């Protein structure tokens, strides 16, 4: 039996954004409840008297934090765009665009993510050196505290002692966010804003700002903003979410694998983002190559779309 409704006009972009918000609130509430139940089953009454199990501040209870993170990704990012598509009477694969990916375009996405690494490192280093005016010192102090908290949680999650830990992190930090966040921000939010503003470029950058801001990591805001915009253009030009999802997975997966390599070679994780790996001309070359490969990807997708039409 087909539960998908017959073709009908879509709701406006404003209504779709409102539905995404409502579904996200419901998703995070339901996800948190289910996560708490599962954590209670694992740890018993201890979870009621030891908040460290839920915050991850206790290294012996990392499973609790992992469960919460997976539930958050599923409830906040994965479920809302799926329910939006079904509410609009469309299959998600049709509503968001899941054209069969082409190997040559997948390869181009891999090249883009590779050549852009020095550029993203340069932007990240500049962002980390950000200093606010004297009148905003209290805000800067709060931002630094939040950044340090996020970094401690990240380092705790990235501590891996076995292949099993590596695979869990690749799923939790790379695969699930790559699918769920791209569905939400590029599929749901960017698509809805495109309907509202009638300008795909404006929609891409608005979605990228929201994507970066919602992570609440202020000293990583600008590199994440550029990543979000890059994912948005991959989606816009190709008409398929697969390429944005793959790029997102590569970005996050590289961080996980780099952390694994560093631990295996007794390199402190604190060196992961704080040191420059390239000279100034390396960053310039990375910038030029990134632009050129992006434009090449755009041209190839135009040829592919014309052939399909």
Protein backbone atom coordinates (compact mmCIF):
# COMPACT_ATOMS: atom_id res chain seq x y z
CA UNK A 1 0.00 0.00 0.00
CA UNK A 2 1.38 3.42 -0.98
CA UNK A 3 1.03 5.91 1.88
CA UNK A 4 2.53 8.75 -0.19
CA UNK A 5 -0.11 11.28 -1.18
CA UNK A 6 -0.84 12.20 -4.79
CA UNK A 7 0.92 15.15 -6.39
CA UNK A 8 -0.22 18.51 -4.97
CA UNK A 9 1.24 22.01 -4.67
CA UNK A 10 3.92 22.43 -2.01
CA UNK A 11 3.53 24.69 0.99
CA UNK A 12 5.38 28.00 0.92
CA UNK A 13 9.00 28.22 2.00
CA UNK A 14 7.96 29.95 5.24
CA UNK A 15 5.58 27.12 6.13
CA UNK A 16 8.24 24.55 5.33
CA UNK A 17 10.75 26.29 7.61
CA UNK A 18 8.15 26.43 10.37
CA UNK A 19 7.47 22.71 9.96
CA UNK A 20 11.19 21.99 10.12
CA UNK A 21 11.42 23.90 13.42
CA UNK A 22 8.41 22.09 14.90
CA UNK A 23 9.73 18.69 13.79
CA UNK A 24 13.19 19.55 15.15
CA UNK A 25 11.80 20.46 18.58
CA UNK A 26 9.77 17.26 18.67
CA UNK A 27 12.72 15.25 17.38
CA UNK A 28 15.17 16.49 20.00
CA UNK A 29 12.65 15.89 22.79
CA UNK A 30 11.80 12.37 21.67
CA UNK A 31 15.44 11.58 20.89
CA UNK A 32 16.58 12.80 24.31
CA UNK A 33 13.92 10.74 26.09
CA UNK A 34 14.84 7.58 24.16
CA UNK A 35 18.55 8.22 24.77
CA UNK A 36 17.96 8.70 28.50
CA UNK A 37 15.98 5.45 28.67
CA UNK A 38 18.80 3.56 26.92
CA UNK A 39 21.45 5.15 29.15
CA UNK A 40 19.36 4.26 32.23
CA UNK A 41 19.19 0.65 31.02
CA UNK A 42 22.99 0.58 30.70
CA UNK A 43 24.00 2.47 33.86
CA UNK A 44 20.94 2.00 36.07
CA UNK A 45 20.15 4.42 38.91
CA UNK A 46 23.71 5.72 38.75
CA UNK A 47 22.66 8.02 35.92
CA UNK A 48 20.39 9.90 38.34
CA UNK A 49 23.17 10.71 40.80
CA UNK A 50 26.13 11.07 38.44
CA UNK A 51 25.56 13.80 35.81
CA UNK A 52 29.01 13.05 34.34
CA UNK A 53 27.44 10.07 32.58
CA UNK A 54 25.31 12.44 30.50
CA UNK A 55 27.93 15.17 29.98
CA UNK A 56 30.81 12.89 29.08
CA UNK A 57 33.09 14.42 31.71
CA UNK A 58 33.66 10.93 33.08
CA UNK A 59 35.95 8.96 30.70
CA UNK A 60 34.47 5.71 32.00
CA UNK A 61 30.99 6.66 30.81
CA UNK A 62 31.77 7.76 27.26
CA UNK A 63 28.98 5.50 25.95
CA UNK A 64 26.39 7.80 27.53
CA UNK A 65 27.72 10.80 25.61
CA UNK A 66 27.88 8.79 22.39
CA UNK A 67 24.25 7.73 22.77
CA UNK A 68 23.18 11.34 23.36
CA UNK A 69 25.12 12.56 20.31
CA UNK A 70 23.61 9.92 18.04
CA UNK A 71 20.10 10.67 19.37
CA UNK A 72 20.67 14.40 18.83
CA UNK A 73 21.79 13.92 15.23
CA UNK A 74 18.86 11.64 14.48
CA UNK A 75 16.20 13.69 16.25
CA UNK A 76 17.37 17.22 15.44
CA UNK A 77 18.78 16.81 11.93
CA UNK A 78 17.69 13.53 10.32
CA UNK A 79 14.03 13.17 11.26
CA UNK A 80 12.74 16.75 10.52
CA UNK A 81 13.58 16.88 6.78
CA UNK A 82 12.29 13.34 6.30
CA UNK A 83 8.97 14.23 7.93
CA UNK A 84 8.82 17.48 5.95
CA UNK A 85 9.05 15.54 2.69
CA UNK A 86 6.34 13.12 3.79
CA UNK A 87 4.14 16.03 4.96
CA UNK A 88 4.47 17.53 1.48
CA UNK A 89 3.37 14.20 0.02
CA UNK A 90 6.73 13.39 -1.58
CA UNK A 91 9.27 10.66 -1.20
CA UNK A 92 12.47 12.15 0.31
CA UNK A 93 14.49 10.82 -2.62
CA UNK A 94 12.33 12.87 -5.01
CA UNK A 95 11.74 15.88 -2.76
CA UNK A 96 15.42 16.57 -2.09
CA UNK A 97 17.05 15.12 -5.17
CA UNK A 98 19.02 11.91 -4.92
CA UNK A 99 20.09 11.46 -8.50
CA UNK A 100 22.39 8.50 -8.95
CA UNK A 101 25.93 9.81 -8.31
CA UNK A 102 28.51 9.60 -11.09
CA UNK A 103 31.97 8.25 -10.34
CA UNK A 104 33.74 11.16 -12.07
CA UNK A 105 31.80 13.71 -10.01
CA UNK A 106 32.46 11.75 -6.81
CA UNK A 107 36.15 11.87 -7.72
CA UNK A 108 35.93 15.63 -8.27
CA UNK A 109 34.39 16.08 -4.82
CA UNK A 110 37.31 14.13 -3.36
CA UNK A 111 39.75 16.41 -5.22
CA UNK A 112 37.91 19.52 -3.99
CA UNK A 113 38.08 18.42 -0.36
CA UNK A 114 41.77 17.53 -0.76
CA UNK A 115 43.01 20.72 -2.44
CA UNK A 116 40.94 22.93 -0.11
CA UNK A 117 42.54 21.54 3.06
CA UNK A 118 45.35 24.15 3.26
CA UNK A 119 42.84 26.95 2.60
CA UNK A 120 40.53 25.71 5.35
CA UNK A 121 43.51 25.41 7.71
CA UNK A 122 44.43 29.06 7.05
CA UNK A 123 40.86 30.25 7.68
CA UNK A 124 40.69 28.17 10.87
CA UNK A 125 43.96 29.62 12.18
CA UNK A 126 42.76 33.17 11.51
CA UNK A 127 39.42 32.44 13.20
CA UNK A 128 41.18 31.10 16.31
CA UNK A 129 43.09 34.37 16.63
CA UNK A 130 39.89 36.41 16.63
CA UNK A 131 39.86 39.19 19.26
CA UNK A 132 36.75 41.21 20.11
CA UNK A 133 36.77 44.94 21.10
CA UNK A 134 37.36 45.82 24.74
CA UNK A 135 33.66 46.57 25.21
CA UNK A 136 32.87 42.93 24.33
CA UNK A 137 35.49 41.27 26.54
CA UNK A 138 32.84 39.55 28.68
CA UNK A 139 31.29 38.07 25.56
CA UNK A 140 34.72 36.97 24.34
CA UNK A 141 35.43 35.33 27.72
CA UNK A 142 32.11 33.42 27.51
CA UNK A 143 32.88 32.36 23.93
CA UNK A 144 36.31 31.11 24.96
CA UNK A 145 34.80 29.09 27.81
CA UNK A 146 32.26 27.50 25.46
CA UNK A 147 35.02 26.76 22.96
CA UNK A 148 37.17 25.11 25.63
CA UNK A 149 34.20 23.00 26.77
CA UNK A 150 33.53 21.89 23.20
CA UNK A 151 37.22 21.09 22.71
CA UNK A 152 37.33 18.97 25.87
CA UNK A 153 34.28 17.03 24.69
CA UNK A 154 35.81 16.59 21.24
CA UNK A 155 39.09 15.28 22.64
CA UNK A 156 37.18 12.90 24.91
CA UNK A 157 35.23 11.51 21.95
CA UNK A 158 38.33 11.25 19.79
CA UNK A 159 40.22 9.12 22.30
CA UNK A 160 40.37 5.78 20.50
CA UNK A 161 42.03 2.64 21.78
CA UNK A 162 40.84 0.11 19.21
CA UNK A 163 39.52 -0.33 15.70
CA UNK A 164 36.07 -0.62 17.26
CA UNK A 165 36.42 2.90 18.69
CA UNK A 166 37.55 4.17 15.29
CA UNK A 167 34.55 2.63 13.52
CA UNK A 168 32.12 4.00 16.14
CA UNK A 169 33.55 7.50 15.69
CA UNK A 170 33.47 7.26 11.90
CA UNK A 171 29.76 6.43 12.17
CA UNK A 172 28.93 8.96 14.90
CA UNK A 173 31.10 11.90 13.76
CA UNK A 174 31.35 11.39 9.98
CA UNK A 175 28.66 9.16 8.45
CA UNK A 176 25.58 10.09 10.50
CA UNK A 177 26.22 13.88 10.50
CA UNK A 178 27.15 13.74 6.82
CA UNK A 179 23.73 12.30 6.01
CA UNK A 180 21.58 13.98 8.66
CA UNK A 181 23.03 17.51 8.56
CA UNK A 182 23.04 17.66 4.77
CA UNK A 183 19.41 16.55 4.68
CA UNK A 184 18.54 19.27 7.21
CA UNK A 185 20.67 22.21 6.09
CA UNK A 186 21.01 21.71 2.35
CA UNK A 187 17.91 19.63 1.70
CA UNK A 188 15.51 21.24 4.15
CA UNK A 189 16.71 24.74 5.02
CA UNK A 190 18.50 25.71 1.81
CA UNK A 191 15.66 24.39 -0.32
CA UNK A 192 13.07 26.29 1.74
CA UNK A 193 15.04 29.56 1.67
CA UNK A 194 15.42 29.22 -2.10
CA UNK A 195 11.62 29.19 -2.35
CA UNK A 196 11.44 32.28 -0.12
CA UNK A 197 14.17 34.56 -1.50
CA UNK A 198 14.06 33.25 -5.11
CA UNK A 199 17.86 33.49 -5.19
CA UNK A 200 19.81 30.24 -4.74
CA UNK A 201 23.06 32.02 -3.85
CA UNK A 202 21.45 33.97 -1.01
CA UNK A 203 19.77 30.77 0.18
CA UNK A 204 23.09 28.90 0.13
CA UNK A 205 24.84 31.50 2.31
CA UNK A 206 21.94 31.92 4.73
CA UNK A 207 21.86 28.15 5.20
CA UNK A 208 25.64 28.09 5.66
CA UNK A 209 25.44 30.76 8.38
CA UNK A 210 22.75 28.77 10.23
CA UNK A 211 24.75 25.56 9.75
CA UNK A 212 27.85 27.11 11.30
CA UNK A 213 26.07 29.03 14.07
CA UNK A 214 24.09 26.05 15.34
CA UNK A 215 27.32 24.23 16.26
CA UNK A 216 28.08 26.96 18.85
CA UNK A 217 31.81 26.83 18.19
CA UNK A 218 32.65 30.48 17.69
CA UNK A 219 36.36 30.02 16.95
CA UNK A 220 35.52 27.60 14.17
CA UNK A 221 32.66 29.65 12.74
CA UNK A 222 34.26 30.86 9.50
CA UNK A 223 35.78 27.60 8.24
CA UNK A 224 32.48 25.84 8.98
CA UNK A 225 30.65 28.67 7.16
CA UNK A 226 32.79 28.13 4.06
CA UNK A 227 32.27 24.39 4.28
CA UNK A 228 28.51 24.89 4.48
CA UNK A 229 28.55 27.18 1.45
CA UNK A 230 30.71 24.70 -0.45
CA UNK A 231 28.32 21.85 0.33
CA UNK A 232 25.46 24.11 -0.73
CA UNK A 233 26.98 24.79 -4.14
CA UNK A 234 27.69 21.10 -4.70
CA UNK A 235 23.98 20.47 -4.09
CA UNK A 236 22.78 23.43 -6.15
CA UNK A 237 24.91 22.67 -9.20
CA UNK A 238 24.42 18.90 -9.23
CA UNK A 239 20.82 18.73 -8.04
CA UNK A 240 21.83 15.75 -5.89
CA UNK A 241 22.46 15.60 -2.16
CA UNK A 242 24.83 12.66 -2.55
CA UNK A 243 27.81 14.89 -3.40
CA UNK A 244 27.29 17.23 -0.44
CA UNK A 245 26.87 14.22 1.87
CA UNK A 246 30.07 12.65 0.54
CA UNK A 247 32.01 15.91 0.98
CA UNK A 248 30.70 16.28 4.55
CA UNK A 249 31.67 12.68 5.33
CA UNK A 250 35.18 13.22 3.94
CA UNK A 251 35.69 16.37 6.01
CA UNK A 252 34.60 14.80 9.30
CA UNK A 253 36.11 11.42 8.53
CA UNK A 254 39.51 12.99 7.89
CA UNK A 255 39.46 14.58 11.36
CA UNK A 256 38.64 11.22 12.96
CA UNK A 257 41.36 9.39 11.02
CA UNK A 258 43.89 12.15 11.76
CA UNK A 259 43.12 11.84 15.48
CA UNK A 260 43.55 8.04 15.24
CA UNK A 261 46.92 8.46 13.49
CA UNK A 262 48.13 11.00 16.05
CA UNK A 263 47.28 8.75 18.98
CA UNK A 264 48.97 5.77 17.36
CA UNK A 265 52.12 7.91 16.99
CA UNK A 266 51.90 9.52 20.46
CA UNK A 267 51.17 12.99 19.08
CA UNK A 268 49.01 15.16 21.40
CA UNK A 269 45.52 15.83 20.01
CA UNK A 270 45.98 19.48 21.00
CA UNK A 271 48.21 19.82 17.92
CA UNK A 272 45.35 18.82 15.62
CA UNK A 273 44.21 22.39 14.81
CA UNK A 274 46.70 24.76 16.35
CA UNK A 275 49.73 24.62 14.07
CA UNK A 276 50.25 25.77 10.49
CA UNK A 277 51.27 22.99 8.11
CA UNK A 278 51.86 25.10 5.00
CA UNK A 279 53.74 28.21 3.92
CA UNK A 280 51.89 31.27 2.61
CA UNK A 281 52.17 30.22 -1.03
CA UNK A 282 50.70 26.83 -0.13
CA UNK A 283 47.54 28.61 1.01
CA UNK A 284 47.48 30.70 -2.19
CA UNK A 285 47.85 27.61 -4.38
CA UNK A 286 45.11 25.88 -2.38
CA UNK A 287 42.76 28.83 -2.88
CA UNK A 288 43.34 28.93 -6.65
CA UNK A 289 43.01 25.16 -7.07
CA UNK A 290 39.84 25.06 -4.96
CA UNK A 291 38.15 27.70 -7.12
CA UNK A 292 39.26 26.02 -10.35
CA UNK A 293 38.08 22.54 -9.34
CA UNK A 294 34.77 23.94 -8.05
CA UNK A 295 34.20 25.64 -11.42
CA UNK A 296 35.15 22.43 -13.23
CA UNK A 297 32.63 20.53 -11.10
CA UNK A 298 29.99 23.13 -12.01
CA UNK A 299 30.70 22.75 -15.73
CA UNK A 300 30.64 18.95 -15.59
CA UNK A 301 27.31 18.91 -13.74
CA UNK A 302 25.82 21.30 -16.30
CA UNK A 303 26.87 18.96 -19.11
CA UNK A 304 25.46 15.98 -17.22
CA UNK A 305 22.14 17.75 -16.49
CA UNK A 306 21.79 18.84 -20.13
CA UNK A 307 22.38 15.28 -21.27
CA UNK A 308 19.70 13.97 -18.89
CA UNK A 309 17.23 16.63 -20.05
